[in-house]
Amino acid sequence: MSSAASGQVSNVLPTCANIANMQTARTDNWTCFHNPASLVQDAGWQLAAQYENRYFLPSLNTAMLQVGYTNEYVNVGVGYAFFGYAKYQEMMAGVALARSFGRFSIGLQANYLTLYCGDELGYKGTFIPQIGVTVHVLPELTIGVHGFNPFVQTIAIDDQVRRRLPAVYSLGLDYRWKEVLHWSVQADYDVNNTYRIATGVEWQAIERLVVKVGVYYQQQFVGCMGVAVTWDRLRLDANFELHPLLGVTCQGRIGVKI
């Protein structure tokens, strides 16, 4: 993702619906291409669609679709993300597997990234792994660790040029107070870019409304705010980030659990 977005430098990597893009220690709202260990949730199906625009530029849009299924024996999810315009595109598909061992959960994910670099170079592709862990240290306190592309893989653009893909290592903490407030902290490091430190709270103000406020530092301080509206098994999220130099990033997501 760009330098303004969550410690990642590939545009195809979608942000999550949690405030300030903090998914590593959250186990209540899985997002594909983030910590696969968070796929361990209540039994059933879950579906989500997400759309993100950066700085009101038509060429900086990322779309994502995902489906997950969980029960006491298997936790599996698949997702697809797309970023691009006519002359350059990034597409990534992923399959995640997770398993819970009481307070400890582990998840693995295999992704296939495809780049379209124009008619002359065509399509280039490679596999990228992910691994993540969450530990419920206390009933209200969770710690998460996640690595995207932990082996720092590259992709060949042509016979002479190889592009080093983002390799993101994350450590997160989530504290839940009486199930109405989440306070999260997360640190990310990308070997291609820089470090990122984020914090924020999500407060269930009333039965069907969640208010989100946060901030992260990645070369600049970026303010974040959002809301979530829930109705039975349906959840709608809207998140906004204000970068002091680049402008506003908007994200919308609709999810349903069956």
Protein backbone atom coordinates (compact mmCIF):
# COMPACT_ATOMS: atom_id res chain seq x y z
CA MET A 1 0.00 0.00 0.00
CA SER A 2 1.12 3.58 -0.30
CA SER A 3 3.10 5.24 2.49
CA ALA A 4 -0.11 6.70 3.88
CA ALA A 5 -1.85 3.42 4.32
CA SER A 6 -1.01 0.96 6.99
CA GLY A 7 2.58 -0.02 6.64
CA GLN A 8 2.10 -1.68 3.28
CA VAL A 9 3.34 -0.62 -0.17
CA SER A 10 1.20 -2.70 -2.50
CA ASN A 11 -2.01 -1.03 -3.60
CA VAL A 12 -3.87 -4.33 -3.90
CA LEU A 13 -3.66 -4.99 -0.14
CA PRO A 14 -7.00 -3.83 1.28
CA THR A 15 -7.33 -2.15 4.64
CA CYS A 16 -9.50 -3.76 7.30
CA ALA A 17 -12.70 -2.35 8.76
CA ASN A 18 -11.18 -1.74 12.19
CA ILE A 19 -10.05 1.75 13.12
CA ALA A 20 -6.58 2.75 11.86
CA ASN A 21 -6.33 -0.55 9.98
CA MET A 22 -5.59 -2.60 13.14
CA GLN A 23 -6.51 -6.24 12.53
CA THR A 24 -3.58 -8.16 14.03
CA ALA A 25 -5.04 -8.70 17.52
CA ARG A 26 -8.75 -8.50 16.64
CA THR A 27 -10.64 -11.78 16.49
CA ASP A 28 -14.18 -10.48 15.94
CA ASN A 29 -14.12 -9.22 12.33
CA TRP A 30 -11.90 -11.20 9.94
CA THR A 31 -10.54 -9.48 6.84
CA CYS A 32 -8.77 -11.49 4.16
CA PHE A 33 -5.07 -10.60 3.59
CA HIS A 34 -4.75 -9.58 7.26
CA ASN A 35 -4.07 -11.91 10.21
CA PRO A 36 -5.56 -15.28 9.17
CA ALA A 37 -5.69 -16.40 12.82
CA SER A 38 -8.68 -14.05 13.30
CA LEU A 39 -10.75 -16.33 11.06
CA VAL A 40 -11.59 -18.38 14.19
CA GLN A 41 -15.02 -16.96 15.00
CA ASP A 42 -18.61 -18.06 15.65
CA ALA A 43 -19.70 -21.02 13.52
CA GLY A 44 -21.33 -20.20 10.20
CA TRP A 45 -20.82 -18.39 6.92
CA GLN A 46 -19.59 -14.83 6.56
CA LEU A 47 -19.49 -12.71 3.43
CA ALA A 48 -18.11 -9.21 2.89
CA ALA A 49 -17.51 -6.71 0.11
CA GLN A 50 -15.27 -3.67 0.49
CA TYR A 51 -14.31 -0.64 -1.57
CA GLU A 52 -11.59 1.91 -0.85
CA ASN A 53 -10.56 5.16 -2.54
CA ARG A 54 -7.42 7.14 -1.75
CA TYR A 55 -7.26 10.90 -1.99
CA PHE A 56 -10.28 11.10 -4.37
CA LEU A 57 -8.14 9.89 -7.28
CA PRO A 58 -10.01 7.56 -9.70
CA SER A 59 -6.88 5.47 -10.30
CA LEU A 60 -6.37 4.68 -6.58
CA ASN A 61 -9.32 2.38 -5.90
CA THR A 62 -9.09 -1.05 -4.25
CA ALA A 63 -12.01 -3.51 -4.21
CA MET A 64 -12.20 -6.72 -2.19
CA LEU A 65 -14.60 -9.69 -1.86
CA GLN A 66 -14.33 -12.46 0.72
CA VAL A 67 -16.19 -15.54 1.97
CA GLY A 68 -15.48 -17.46 5.16
CA TYR A 69 -16.84 -20.60 6.78
CA THR A 70 -16.16 -21.65 10.36
CA ASN A 71 -17.17 -24.48 12.68
CA GLU A 72 -15.53 -26.50 15.44
CA TYR A 73 -13.59 -28.60 12.94
CA VAL A 74 -12.55 -26.25 10.13
CA ASN A 75 -12.08 -22.52 9.58
CA VAL A 76 -11.52 -21.57 5.96
CA GLY A 77 -11.80 -18.33 4.01
CA VAL A 78 -11.18 -17.13 0.46
CA GLY A 79 -10.75 -13.59 -0.82
CA TYR A 80 -10.03 -11.59 -3.95
CA ALA A 81 -8.70 -8.02 -4.19
CA PHE A 82 -8.26 -5.80 -7.25
CA PHE A 83 -6.45 -2.53 -7.80
CA GLY A 84 -5.72 -0.85 -11.09
CA TYR A 85 -6.53 1.08 -14.20
CA ALA A 86 -6.04 0.49 -17.94
CA LYS A 87 -2.23 0.33 -18.05
CA TYR A 88 -1.45 -1.18 -14.65
CA GLN A 89 -3.36 -3.66 -12.49
CA GLU A 90 -2.78 -5.74 -9.36
CA MET A 91 -4.96 -8.74 -8.52
CA MET A 92 -4.58 -11.05 -5.55
CA ALA A 93 -6.51 -14.17 -4.54
CA GLY A 94 -6.03 -15.90 -1.21
CA VAL A 95 -7.10 -19.00 0.72
CA ALA A 96 -6.86 -18.95 4.53
CA LEU A 97 -6.99 -21.79 7.07
CA ALA A 98 -7.13 -21.30 10.84
CA ARG A 99 -7.36 -23.45 13.94
CA SER A 100 -8.12 -22.64 17.56
CA PHE A 101 -6.41 -24.37 20.48
CA GLY A 102 -8.30 -22.81 23.35
CA ARG A 103 -6.79 -19.41 24.04
CA PHE A 104 -4.29 -19.83 21.20
CA SER A 105 -5.14 -19.59 17.49
CA ILE A 106 -2.94 -19.94 14.42
CA GLY A 107 -3.69 -19.18 10.79
CA LEU A 108 -1.98 -19.76 7.45
CA GLN A 109 -2.82 -18.18 4.13
CA ALA A 110 -1.62 -18.73 0.56
CA ASN A 111 -1.98 -15.85 -1.90
CA TYR A 112 -1.37 -15.56 -5.61
CA LEU A 113 -0.48 -12.07 -6.79
CA THR A 114 -0.83 -11.10 -10.45
CA LEU A 115 0.52 -7.87 -11.94
CA TYR A 116 -0.52 -6.54 -15.33
CA CYS A 117 2.23 -4.22 -16.56
CA GLY A 118 0.82 -3.22 -19.95
CA ASP A 119 0.64 -4.93 -23.34
CA GLU A 120 4.41 -5.06 -23.73
CA LEU A 121 5.17 -6.93 -20.48
CA GLY A 122 1.81 -8.63 -19.96
CA TYR A 123 0.93 -10.52 -16.75
CA LYS A 124 3.40 -11.55 -14.03
CA GLY A 125 2.50 -13.67 -11.03
CA THR A 126 3.86 -15.30 -7.88
CA PHE A 127 2.71 -16.98 -4.65
CA ILE A 128 2.92 -15.12 -1.31
CA PRO A 129 2.46 -16.76 2.11
CA GLN A 130 1.00 -15.32 5.31
CA ILE A 131 1.08 -16.58 8.88
CA GLY A 132 -0.57 -15.23 12.02
CA VAL A 133 -1.13 -16.04 15.67
CA THR A 134 -3.50 -14.69 18.33
CA VAL A 135 -3.31 -15.40 22.06
CA HIS A 136 -6.06 -14.55 24.56
CA VAL A 137 -3.77 -13.73 27.48
CA LEU A 138 -6.82 -12.77 29.55
CA PRO A 139 -10.51 -12.96 28.63
CA GLU A 140 -10.42 -9.24 27.82
CA LEU A 141 -6.84 -9.01 26.46
CA THR A 142 -5.58 -10.41 23.14
CA ILE A 143 -2.13 -10.25 21.56
CA GLY A 144 -1.58 -10.93 17.86
CA VAL A 145 1.43 -11.46 15.59
CA HIS A 146 1.24 -11.49 11.81
CA GLY A 147 3.62 -11.74 8.86
CA PHE A 148 2.70 -10.99 5.24
CA ASN A 149 5.34 -12.30 2.82
CA PRO A 150 7.69 -13.20 5.70
CA PHE A 151 10.38 -14.55 3.35
CA VAL A 152 10.59 -11.28 1.36
CA GLN A 153 9.74 -12.77 -2.01
CA THR A 154 10.19 -10.91 -5.28
CA ILE A 155 8.48 -10.99 -8.67
CA ALA A 156 10.22 -10.85 -12.05
CA ILE A 157 8.96 -7.96 -14.18
CA ASP A 158 11.29 -8.84 -17.09
CA ASP A 159 14.60 -10.61 -17.62
CA GLN A 160 16.54 -7.90 -15.80
CA VAL A 161 14.14 -6.33 -13.28
CA ARG A 162 12.71 -7.95 -10.16
CA ARG A 163 10.29 -6.12 -7.91
CA ARG A 164 10.61 -6.75 -4.17
CA LEU A 165 7.16 -7.30 -2.77
CA PRO A 166 5.99 -5.88 0.56
CA ALA A 167 7.05 -7.90 3.59
CA VAL A 168 5.02 -6.67 6.55
CA TYR A 169 5.54 -7.80 10.16
CA SER A 170 2.90 -6.76 12.69
CA LEU A 171 2.43 -6.93 16.46
CA GLY A 172 -0.90 -5.93 17.96
CA LEU A 173 -2.77 -5.71 21.27
CA ASP A 174 -6.52 -5.46 21.80
CA TYR A 175 -8.25 -4.77 25.13
CA ARG A 176 -12.02 -5.21 25.44
CA TRP A 177 -13.89 -3.48 28.24
CA LYS A 178 -17.31 -5.00 28.97
CA GLU A 179 -17.77 -5.83 25.27
CA VAL A 180 -18.69 -2.21 24.48
CA LEU A 181 -15.20 -0.76 23.94
CA HIS A 182 -12.12 -1.97 22.07
CA TRP A 183 -8.79 -0.25 22.61
CA SER A 184 -6.14 -1.41 20.15
CA VAL A 185 -2.44 -0.74 19.59
CA GLN A 186 -0.46 -2.03 16.62
CA ALA A 187 3.08 -1.71 15.28
CA ASP A 188 3.95 -2.60 11.67
CA TYR A 189 7.26 -2.80 9.90
CA ASP A 190 7.67 -3.18 6.13
CA VAL A 191 11.15 -3.96 4.85
CA ASN A 192 10.36 -1.97 1.68
CA ASN A 193 9.15 1.10 3.47
CA THR A 194 9.17 2.14 7.11
CA TYR A 195 7.50 1.49 10.45
CA ARG A 196 3.97 2.40 11.49
CA ILE A 197 2.50 2.78 14.99
CA ALA A 198 -1.28 3.01 15.45
CA THR A 199 -3.79 3.23 18.27
CA GLY A 200 -7.52 3.81 18.54
CA VAL A 201 -10.79 2.95 20.22
CA GLU A 202 -14.08 1.55 18.99
CA TRP A 203 -17.05 2.30 21.26
CA GLN A 204 -20.52 0.83 20.94
CA ALA A 205 -22.36 4.04 21.68
CA ILE A 206 -25.82 2.51 21.37
CA GLU A 207 -27.13 -0.95 20.52
CA ARG A 208 -26.64 -0.69 16.74
CA LEU A 209 -24.00 2.03 16.41
CA VAL A 210 -20.22 1.81 16.86
CA VAL A 211 -18.09 4.99 16.85
CA LYS A 212 -14.40 4.70 15.91
CA VAL A 213 -11.55 7.17 16.52
CA GLY A 214 -7.82 6.59 16.07
CA VAL A 215 -4.47 7.83 14.82
CA TYR A 216 -1.31 6.35 13.34
CA TYR A 217 2.17 7.61 12.61
CA GLN A 218 3.95 6.65 9.40
CA GLN A 219 6.26 9.51 8.40
CA GLN A 220 3.23 11.72 9.15
CA PHE A 221 0.47 11.64 11.75
CA VAL A 222 -2.79 10.47 10.15
CA GLY A 223 -6.13 10.92 11.91
CA CYS A 224 -8.80 8.23 11.54
CA MET A 225 -12.51 8.13 12.27
CA GLY A 226 -15.42 5.92 11.33
CA VAL A 227 -18.76 4.40 12.23
CA ALA A 228 -20.33 0.97 12.02
CA VAL A 229 -24.05 0.24 11.91
CA THR A 230 -25.26 -3.26 12.79
CA TRP A 231 -28.63 -4.82 12.11
CA ASP A 232 -29.13 -8.42 13.17
CA ARG A 233 -26.34 -10.23 11.21
CA LEU A 234 -25.64 -7.33 8.85
CA ARG A 235 -22.84 -4.80 9.48
CA LEU A 236 -22.02 -1.63 7.53
CA ASP A 237 -18.68 0.13 8.09
CA ALA A 238 -17.50 3.53 6.87
CA ASN A 239 -13.96 4.69 7.69
CA PHE A 240 -12.02 7.85 6.83
CA GLU A 241 -8.37 8.87 7.14
CA LEU A 242 -6.96 12.38 6.79
CA HIS A 243 -3.34 12.57 5.67
CA PRO A 244 -1.91 16.09 6.20
CA LEU A 245 -0.25 16.13 2.76
CA LEU A 246 -2.13 13.70 0.53
CA GLY A 247 -5.75 14.14 1.63
CA VAL A 248 -8.62 11.82 2.49
CA THR A 249 -8.89 8.04 2.18
CA CYS A 250 -12.44 6.61 2.27
CA GLN A 251 -13.44 3.01 2.85
CA GLY A 252 -16.83 1.32 2.84
CA ARG A 253 -17.62 -2.27 3.74
CA ILE A 254 -20.73 -4.42 3.97
CA GLY A 255 -20.62 -7.76 5.75
CA VAL A 256 -23.15 -10.41 6.73
CA LYS A 257 -22.95 -13.53 8.90
CA ILE A 258 -25.26 -16.44 8.12
